[in-house]
């Protein structure tokens, strides 16, 4: 299967290394020292930044000069700034269609809620795409489009089956979501959190996913609380309610998204409205990073004004 081959190859080759062999010149009674070669990578880094006050209200009156951006505690010059509440958004839904989603009518409830997302919640200018995952495969069920017909038809055809390769899906899907045409983009992951078929660990999946500048909004829907259900579906003994919540929070927080843990369709629809609202209020901030190695870079964003809560990707 292409997904497993791709992930195995990526995990086996953590990077590409170039061995530079400088030439040497020898003169009479003198040997010149070899030249030192530096491999510098220039990255244009874009951040989706959410700013709220202590009551959770979105702050919309900040300017470029109000923000401070740090990478590994080094101040970076902001080279790009955009804030437009009416700007179109590209949403990519990553839907768990594995067998465990058939329990407690989860899949049908999610299907109905996603239909309302497509028809009523999103703006006409917002793009929408559908990715589905089960049995180690991620399938593009409906490509990004303003036309909701393809999304709704694909959604109607889906059935819950097979095992859940949650980590693998998180590792691969941002690569597709980033191709959407709008500057504001988000990945909405909907799952019950049961993981029993991935070749990657949550940490490996996150390492791959956060290389892409896409916030992941995670919806943990009707996560099984009974040990009997978890035992029936899990592959490893470490899968518990607490570990599921921890992993899903990890995916959301590290990428600048948000995690929701819900148990009914009313809450599910409310989370869709909240994600749409948050994306509309986000700031897009860009800077240039010069790197001589592939070590993890920690990102921090601050404001000169107000005691605000700021959320963005934690690093890359």
Protein backbone atom coordinates (compact mmCIF):
# COMPACT_ATOMS: atom_id res chain seq x y z
CA UNK A 1 0.00 0.00 0.00
CA UNK A 2 1.37 3.40 -1.02
CA UNK A 3 0.85 4.99 2.38
CA UNK A 4 2.85 2.37 4.24
CA UNK A 5 5.65 2.39 1.65
CA UNK A 6 5.82 6.19 1.78
CA UNK A 7 5.92 6.34 5.58
CA UNK A 8 8.46 3.54 5.90
CA UNK A 9 10.74 5.28 3.44
CA UNK A 10 10.36 8.63 5.19
CA UNK A 11 11.08 7.19 8.62
CA UNK A 12 14.09 5.25 7.38
CA UNK A 13 15.62 8.32 5.74
CA UNK A 14 15.41 11.10 8.28
CA UNK A 15 17.12 13.55 5.92
CA UNK A 16 19.50 13.91 3.01
CA UNK A 17 23.11 14.58 3.84
CA UNK A 18 25.69 15.94 1.43
CA UNK A 19 29.31 15.10 2.02
CA UNK A 20 31.45 17.94 0.72
CA UNK A 21 35.02 17.00 0.05
CA UNK A 22 37.06 20.18 -0.38
CA UNK A 23 40.07 19.96 -2.63
CA UNK A 24 43.54 20.54 -1.19
CA UNK A 25 46.53 22.27 -2.65
CA UNK A 26 50.09 21.59 -1.48
CA UNK A 27 52.95 23.94 -2.08
CA UNK A 28 56.55 23.60 -1.14
CA UNK A 29 56.82 23.56 2.67
CA UNK A 30 53.20 24.77 2.97
CA UNK A 31 49.85 23.00 3.21
CA UNK A 32 46.76 25.21 2.89
CA UNK A 33 43.95 24.36 5.32
CA UNK A 34 40.78 22.98 3.69
CA UNK A 35 37.89 25.37 3.19
CA UNK A 36 34.91 24.89 5.47
CA UNK A 37 31.62 24.45 3.59
CA UNK A 38 28.34 25.60 5.11
CA UNK A 39 24.95 24.36 3.96
CA UNK A 40 22.39 27.04 4.81
CA UNK A 41 18.69 26.44 4.21
CA UNK A 42 16.42 29.46 3.78
CA UNK A 43 12.83 28.88 4.88
CA UNK A 44 9.84 31.19 4.52
CA UNK A 45 7.81 30.39 7.65
CA UNK A 46 4.12 31.28 7.84
CA UNK A 47 2.18 31.23 11.11
CA UNK A 48 -1.57 31.14 11.70
CA UNK A 49 -1.99 33.14 14.91
CA UNK A 50 -5.08 33.26 17.12
CA UNK A 51 -5.32 36.11 19.63
CA UNK A 52 -7.96 36.16 22.40
CA UNK A 53 -8.49 38.08 25.61
CA UNK A 54 -8.93 36.38 28.96
CA UNK A 55 -12.66 35.98 28.33
CA UNK A 56 -12.08 34.16 25.06
CA UNK A 57 -13.06 37.06 22.80
CA UNK A 58 -11.11 37.39 19.56
CA UNK A 59 -8.86 40.43 19.15
CA UNK A 60 -9.06 41.93 15.66
CA UNK A 61 -7.44 45.37 15.88
CA UNK A 62 -3.75 44.42 16.00
CA UNK A 63 -1.25 45.62 13.40
CA UNK A 64 2.01 44.17 12.14
CA UNK A 65 4.01 46.34 14.56
CA UNK A 66 2.06 44.92 17.51
CA UNK A 67 3.56 41.44 17.08
CA UNK A 68 6.92 40.01 18.12
CA UNK A 69 8.08 36.67 16.67
CA UNK A 70 10.90 34.55 18.11
CA UNK A 71 12.54 31.39 16.79
CA UNK A 72 14.68 29.63 19.40
CA UNK A 73 14.49 32.90 21.40
CA UNK A 74 15.96 34.88 18.50
CA UNK A 75 13.85 37.84 17.37
CA UNK A 76 12.73 37.56 13.75
CA UNK A 77 11.71 40.33 11.39
CA UNK A 78 8.11 39.99 10.22
CA UNK A 79 8.15 39.96 6.43
CA UNK A 80 4.47 39.19 5.80
CA UNK A 81 1.28 40.19 7.61
CA UNK A 82 -2.35 39.62 6.70
CA UNK A 83 -5.60 39.91 8.65
CA UNK A 84 -8.90 39.83 6.80
CA UNK A 85 -12.00 38.48 8.53
CA UNK A 86 -13.76 38.06 5.20
CA UNK A 87 -10.96 36.15 3.49
CA UNK A 88 -11.98 32.73 2.09
CA UNK A 89 -10.79 29.61 3.92
CA UNK A 90 -9.84 26.16 2.66
CA UNK A 91 -11.02 23.37 4.95
CA UNK A 92 -9.83 19.78 4.61
CA UNK A 93 -11.89 17.25 6.57
CA UNK A 94 -9.93 14.14 7.61
CA UNK A 95 -12.60 11.60 8.54
CA UNK A 96 -12.09 8.33 10.39
CA UNK A 97 -14.17 5.69 8.57
CA UNK A 98 -12.80 2.67 10.46
CA UNK A 99 -15.00 -0.01 12.01
CA UNK A 100 -15.05 1.46 15.50
CA UNK A 101 -16.83 4.54 14.14
CA UNK A 102 -19.88 2.35 13.47
CA UNK A 103 -20.40 1.93 17.23
CA UNK A 104 -22.99 4.10 19.03
CA UNK A 105 -24.17 5.52 15.69
CA UNK A 106 -21.06 7.71 15.58
CA UNK A 107 -20.51 7.58 11.84
CA UNK A 108 -24.09 8.49 10.92
CA UNK A 109 -24.14 11.39 13.36
CA UNK A 110 -20.85 12.72 12.01
CA UNK A 111 -22.09 12.31 8.45
CA UNK A 112 -25.21 14.40 9.19
CA UNK A 113 -23.17 17.10 10.94
CA UNK A 114 -20.69 17.31 8.05
CA UNK A 115 -23.59 17.75 5.65
CA UNK A 116 -24.67 20.81 7.64
CA UNK A 117 -21.08 22.08 7.69
CA UNK A 118 -21.00 21.95 3.90
CA UNK A 119 -24.47 23.35 3.25
CA UNK A 120 -24.97 25.92 6.01
CA UNK A 121 -21.95 26.71 8.18
CA UNK A 122 -19.23 27.49 5.65
CA UNK A 123 -19.35 30.58 3.48
CA UNK A 124 -19.94 30.14 -0.27
CA UNK A 125 -16.36 31.26 -1.01
CA UNK A 126 -14.82 28.66 1.36
CA UNK A 127 -13.21 25.59 -0.18
CA UNK A 128 -13.98 22.14 1.20
CA UNK A 129 -12.31 18.75 0.68
CA UNK A 130 -12.84 15.29 2.16
CA UNK A 131 -10.12 12.78 3.06
CA UNK A 132 -11.08 9.43 4.61
CA UNK A 133 -8.87 6.88 6.32
CA UNK A 134 -9.15 3.22 7.32
CA UNK A 135 -7.01 0.07 6.99
CA UNK A 136 -3.77 1.99 6.53
CA UNK A 137 -4.99 4.07 3.59
CA UNK A 138 -5.84 7.75 3.20
CA UNK A 139 -8.16 8.38 0.26
CA UNK A 140 -9.06 11.68 -1.37
CA UNK A 141 -12.84 11.26 -1.48
CA UNK A 142 -13.56 14.84 -2.66
CA UNK A 143 -11.02 17.42 -3.81
CA UNK A 144 -11.01 21.07 -2.73
CA UNK A 145 -13.92 22.82 -4.36
CA UNK A 146 -16.49 25.56 -3.89
CA UNK A 147 -19.12 23.17 -5.21
CA UNK A 148 -20.52 21.16 -2.28
CA UNK A 149 -22.09 18.50 -4.50
CA UNK A 150 -18.93 16.38 -4.80
CA UNK A 151 -18.30 16.55 -1.05
CA UNK A 152 -21.87 15.54 -0.17
CA UNK A 153 -21.97 12.70 -2.71
CA UNK A 154 -18.65 11.31 -1.50
CA UNK A 155 -19.77 11.59 2.12
CA UNK A 156 -22.97 9.68 1.39
CA UNK A 157 -21.04 6.78 -0.18
CA UNK A 158 -18.70 6.20 2.76
CA UNK A 159 -19.10 3.20 5.09
CA UNK A 160 -17.35 2.42 8.36
CA UNK A 161 -14.98 -0.54 8.01
CA UNK A 162 -11.58 -1.96 8.95
CA UNK A 163 -8.86 -0.84 11.35
CA UNK A 164 -7.66 2.64 12.30
CA UNK A 165 -4.25 3.97 11.22
CA UNK A 166 -4.74 7.31 12.96
CA UNK A 167 -1.07 8.26 13.29
CA UNK A 168 -0.35 7.45 9.66
CA UNK A 169 -3.28 9.60 8.53
CA UNK A 170 -2.08 12.57 10.59
CA UNK A 171 1.40 12.17 9.12
CA UNK A 172 0.26 12.25 5.50
CA UNK A 173 -2.87 14.40 5.23
CA UNK A 174 -1.32 17.87 5.85
CA UNK A 175 0.69 17.37 2.66
CA UNK A 176 -2.60 17.40 0.77
CA UNK A 177 -4.26 20.16 2.80
CA UNK A 178 -1.43 22.60 2.06
CA UNK A 179 -2.22 22.42 -1.68
CA UNK A 180 -5.51 24.30 -1.24
CA UNK A 181 -5.59 27.68 -2.96
CA UNK A 182 -6.60 29.96 -0.06
CA UNK A 183 -4.02 31.41 2.32
CA UNK A 184 -6.15 30.53 5.31
CA UNK A 185 -6.23 26.74 5.58
CA UNK A 186 -7.18 24.22 8.25
CA UNK A 187 -7.35 20.46 8.68
CA UNK A 188 -10.33 19.11 10.66
CA UNK A 189 -9.65 15.62 12.03
CA UNK A 190 -12.73 13.70 13.21
CA UNK A 191 -12.10 10.40 15.01
CA UNK A 192 -13.02 8.34 18.05
CA UNK A 193 -9.29 8.10 18.77
CA UNK A 194 -8.90 4.33 18.61
CA UNK A 195 -5.50 3.54 17.05
CA UNK A 196 -4.72 -0.04 16.04
CA UNK A 197 -3.03 -0.10 12.64
CA UNK A 198 -0.32 2.60 12.22
CA UNK A 199 3.32 2.07 11.37
CA UNK A 200 4.19 5.42 12.98
CA UNK A 201 4.05 6.50 16.62
CA UNK A 202 2.19 9.69 17.61
CA UNK A 203 5.53 11.48 18.03
CA UNK A 204 6.73 10.43 14.56
CA UNK A 205 3.43 11.43 12.99
CA UNK A 206 3.60 14.84 14.66
CA UNK A 207 7.21 15.36 13.55
CA UNK A 208 6.15 14.84 9.94
CA UNK A 209 2.89 16.82 10.19
CA UNK A 210 4.35 19.95 11.78
CA UNK A 211 6.74 20.44 8.86
CA UNK A 212 3.63 21.65 7.04
CA UNK A 213 2.07 24.99 8.00
CA UNK A 214 -1.44 23.67 8.63
CA UNK A 215 -3.29 23.96 11.98
CA UNK A 216 -5.04 20.72 12.91
CA UNK A 217 -8.41 21.00 14.63
CA UNK A 218 -9.09 17.68 16.32
CA UNK A 219 -12.58 16.45 17.16
CA UNK A 220 -12.54 13.41 19.41
CA UNK A 221 -16.10 12.15 18.99
CA UNK A 222 -17.58 9.70 21.47
CA UNK A 223 -14.21 8.35 22.57
CA UNK A 224 -14.89 4.92 24.15
CA UNK A 225 -14.80 5.10 27.92
CA UNK A 226 -15.53 1.45 28.64
CA UNK A 227 -12.44 -0.74 28.91
CA UNK A 228 -14.40 -3.56 27.29
CA UNK A 229 -14.75 -1.59 24.05
CA UNK A 230 -11.13 -0.44 24.07
CA UNK A 231 -9.93 -3.99 24.68
CA UNK A 232 -11.95 -5.25 21.72
CA UNK A 233 -10.44 -2.74 19.28
CA UNK A 234 -7.00 -1.80 20.51
CA UNK A 235 -3.76 -3.39 19.35
CA UNK A 236 -1.58 -2.32 22.28
CA UNK A 237 -2.28 -2.39 25.99
CA UNK A 238 -1.30 1.27 26.35
CA UNK A 239 -4.40 2.53 24.54
CA UNK A 240 -6.59 4.12 27.24
CA UNK A 241 -9.02 6.99 27.39
CA UNK A 242 -6.27 9.14 28.89
CA UNK A 243 -3.72 8.23 26.21
CA UNK A 244 -6.24 8.97 23.42
CA UNK A 245 -6.97 12.42 24.84
CA UNK A 246 -3.25 13.11 25.30
CA UNK A 247 -2.41 12.17 21.70
CA UNK A 248 -5.24 14.16 20.15
CA UNK A 249 -4.32 17.20 22.24
CA UNK A 250 -0.73 16.78 21.09
CA UNK A 251 -1.70 16.95 17.42
CA UNK A 252 -3.81 20.07 17.95
CA UNK A 253 -1.58 22.10 20.27
CA UNK A 254 1.67 21.53 18.39
CA UNK A 255 0.20 22.73 15.09
CA UNK A 256 -1.67 25.75 16.45
CA UNK A 257 -5.11 24.16 16.22
CA UNK A 258 -7.53 23.17 18.95
CA UNK A 259 -8.96 19.93 20.36
CA UNK A 260 -12.63 19.25 21.07
CA UNK A 261 -13.90 16.19 22.96
CA UNK A 262 -17.59 15.74 22.26
CA UNK A 263 -20.43 13.27 22.85
CA UNK A 264 -23.41 14.52 20.82
CA UNK A 265 -24.29 16.15 17.51
CA UNK A 266 -25.23 19.49 19.08
CA UNK A 267 -21.71 19.85 20.44
CA UNK A 268 -20.31 18.66 17.11
CA UNK A 269 -22.11 21.38 15.18
CA UNK A 270 -21.02 23.98 17.75
CA UNK A 271 -17.39 22.96 17.23
CA UNK A 272 -17.76 23.50 13.45
CA UNK A 273 -19.08 27.02 14.04
CA UNK A 274 -16.20 27.70 16.46
CA UNK A 275 -13.55 26.49 14.00
CA UNK A 276 -15.02 28.63 11.23
CA UNK A 277 -15.14 31.66 13.53
CA UNK A 278 -11.58 31.18 14.75
CA UNK A 279 -10.18 30.77 11.26
CA UNK A 280 -11.90 33.97 10.16
CA UNK A 281 -10.27 35.92 12.99
CA UNK A 282 -6.76 34.54 12.58
CA UNK A 283 -3.70 36.58 11.66
CA UNK A 284 -1.22 35.29 9.09
CA UNK A 285 2.36 36.23 9.95
CA UNK A 286 5.47 35.33 7.97
CA UNK A 287 9.22 35.56 8.52
CA UNK A 288 12.43 34.17 7.01
CA UNK A 289 14.51 31.54 8.80
CA UNK A 290 18.13 30.69 7.98
CA UNK A 291 19.08 27.18 9.10
CA UNK A 292 22.40 25.35 9.12
CA UNK A 293 20.99 22.11 10.53
CA UNK A 294 17.74 20.17 10.85
CA UNK A 295 17.26 20.55 14.57
CA UNK A 296 13.83 21.43 15.93
CA UNK A 297 13.08 25.16 16.07
CA UNK A 298 10.79 26.49 18.78
CA UNK A 299 8.46 29.37 17.86
CA UNK A 300 7.00 32.01 20.18
CA UNK A 301 4.70 34.90 19.30
CA UNK A 302 4.01 37.85 21.60
CA UNK A 303 2.15 41.16 21.36
CA UNK A 304 3.17 44.60 22.52
CA UNK A 305 -0.45 45.40 23.39
CA UNK A 306 -2.70 43.78 25.97
CA UNK A 307 -2.49 40.69 28.12
CA UNK A 308 -3.72 38.31 25.45
CA UNK A 309 -3.73 34.55 24.93
CA UNK A 310 -1.86 33.72 21.74
CA UNK A 311 -2.00 30.36 19.99
CA UNK A 312 0.11 29.29 17.04
CA UNK A 313 2.26 26.33 15.98
CA UNK A 314 4.86 25.48 18.60
CA UNK A 315 7.72 24.96 16.17
CA UNK A 316 8.98 22.97 13.22
